[in-house]
Amino acid sequence: MNPTQYQLSLSFEQVLSLVKQLREADKLKLSEALSKDLLNSKLTHLLQAFKTDELSSFRDKSEF
């Protein structure tokens, strides 16, 4: 089965209503995916906050 992508404009309430209709196993999978996405976003933001020219040039020289 080929996944089809749709561009939908849904409110939070509409998404929540759809999620509530999922089986418990699918809710858990969705929760894990959202947690990973959030963690990845936070780590990326944190790394950008601490990124300096010195660290960037050190990494670019492959001396790490």
C-alpha atoms as a PDB file:
ATOM      1  CA  MET A   1       0.000   0.000   0.000  1.00  0.00           C
ATOM      2  CA  ASN A   2       1.471   3.328  -1.051  1.00  0.00           C
ATOM      3  CA  PRO A   3       1.081   6.092   1.501  1.00  0.00           C
ATOM      4  CA  THR A   4      -0.808   9.097   0.205  1.00  0.00           C
ATOM      5  CA  GLN A   5      -0.068  12.555   1.497  1.00  0.00           C
ATOM      6  CA  TYR A   6      -2.849  15.069   1.974  1.00  0.00           C
ATOM      7  CA  GLN A   7      -2.582  18.712   2.915  1.00  0.00           C
ATOM      8  CA  LEU A   8      -5.390  19.327   5.389  1.00  0.00           C
ATOM      9  CA  SER A   9      -6.106  22.317   7.538  1.00  0.00           C
ATOM     10  CA  LEU A  10      -7.325  20.860  10.829  1.00  0.00           C
ATOM     11  CA  SER A  11      -7.808  22.494  14.178  1.00  0.00           C
ATOM     12  CA  PHE A  12      -6.319  21.038  17.333  1.00  0.00           C
ATOM     13  CA  GLU A  13      -9.787  19.877  18.381  1.00  0.00           C
ATOM     14  CA  GLN A  14     -10.273  18.026  15.093  1.00  0.00           C
ATOM     15  CA  VAL A  15      -6.912  16.288  15.394  1.00  0.00           C
ATOM     16  CA  LEU A  16      -7.646  15.390  19.004  1.00  0.00           C
ATOM     17  CA  SER A  17     -10.996  13.937  17.994  1.00  0.00           C
ATOM     18  CA  LEU A  18      -9.289  11.761  15.371  1.00  0.00           C
ATOM     19  CA  VAL A  19      -6.614  10.617  17.814  1.00  0.00           C
ATOM     20  CA  LYS A  20      -9.254   9.618  20.349  1.00  0.00           C
ATOM     21  CA  GLN A  21     -10.667   7.238  17.743  1.00  0.00           C
ATOM     22  CA  LEU A  22      -7.374   5.345  17.403  1.00  0.00           C
ATOM     23  CA  ARG A  23      -6.737   1.990  19.018  1.00  0.00           C
ATOM     24  CA  GLU A  24      -4.662   2.140  22.214  1.00  0.00           C
ATOM     25  CA  ALA A  25      -1.640   0.624  20.430  1.00  0.00           C
ATOM     26  CA  ASP A  26      -1.792   3.312  17.745  1.00  0.00           C
ATOM     27  CA  LYS A  27      -2.163   6.048  20.363  1.00  0.00           C
ATOM     28  CA  LEU A  28       0.990   4.742  22.021  1.00  0.00           C
ATOM     29  CA  LYS A  29       2.872   4.710  18.711  1.00  0.00           C
ATOM     30  CA  LEU A  30       1.719   8.267  18.004  1.00  0.00           C
ATOM     31  CA  SER A  31       2.747   9.388  21.477  1.00  0.00           C
ATOM     32  CA  GLU A  32       6.215   7.868  21.049  1.00  0.00           C
ATOM     33  CA  ALA A  33       6.643   9.494  17.632  1.00  0.00           C
ATOM     34  CA  LEU A  34       5.611  12.895  18.988  1.00  0.00           C
ATOM     35  CA  SER A  35       7.944  12.506  21.984  1.00  0.00           C
ATOM     36  CA  LYS A  36      10.881  11.678  19.703  1.00  0.00           C
ATOM     37  CA  ASP A  37      10.052  14.638  17.485  1.00  0.00           C
ATOM     38  CA  LEU A  38       9.852  16.990  20.460  1.00  0.00           C
ATOM     39  CA  LEU A  39      13.099  15.691  21.952  1.00  0.00           C
ATOM     40  CA  ASN A  40      14.881  16.032  18.618  1.00  0.00           C
ATOM     41  CA  SER A  41      13.599  19.582  18.255  1.00  0.00           C
ATOM     42  CA  LYS A  42      14.723  20.525  21.775  1.00  0.00           C
ATOM     43  CA  LEU A  43      18.175  18.982  21.268  1.00  0.00           C
ATOM     44  CA  THR A  44      18.623  20.792  17.970  1.00  0.00           C
ATOM     45  CA  HIS A  45      17.638  24.069  19.607  1.00  0.00           C
ATOM     46  CA  LEU A  46      20.019  23.424  22.502  1.00  0.00           C
ATOM     47  CA  LEU A  47      22.914  22.585  20.173  1.00  0.00           C
ATOM     48  CA  GLN A  48      22.292  25.749  18.174  1.00  0.00           C
ATOM     49  CA  ALA A  49      22.272  27.799  21.382  1.00  0.00           C
ATOM     50  CA  PHE A  50      25.708  26.480  22.366  1.00  0.00           C
ATOM     51  CA  LYS A  51      27.212  26.488  18.897  1.00  0.00           C
ATOM     52  CA  THR A  52      30.260  28.773  18.712  1.00  0.00           C
ATOM     53  CA  ASP A  53      32.691  29.645  15.970  1.00  0.00           C
ATOM     54  CA  GLU A  54      35.437  27.847  17.884  1.00  0.00           C
ATOM     55  CA  LEU A  55      33.442  24.611  18.112  1.00  0.00           C
ATOM     56  CA  SER A  56      32.349  24.873  14.497  1.00  0.00           C
ATOM     57  CA  SER A  57      35.868  25.355  13.188  1.00  0.00           C
ATOM     58  CA  PHE A  58      37.171  22.591  15.455  1.00  0.00           C
ATOM     59  CA  ARG A  59      34.529  20.192  14.120  1.00  0.00           C
ATOM     60  CA  ASP A  60      35.217  21.218  10.508  1.00  0.00           C
ATOM     61  CA  LYS A  61      38.886  20.299  10.914  1.00  0.00           C
ATOM     62  CA  SER A  62      37.860  16.731  11.854  1.00  0.00           C
ATOM     63  CA  GLU A  63      39.946  16.924  15.013  1.00  0.00           C
ATOM     64  CA  PHE A  64      36.970  15.980  17.150  1.00  0.00           C
END
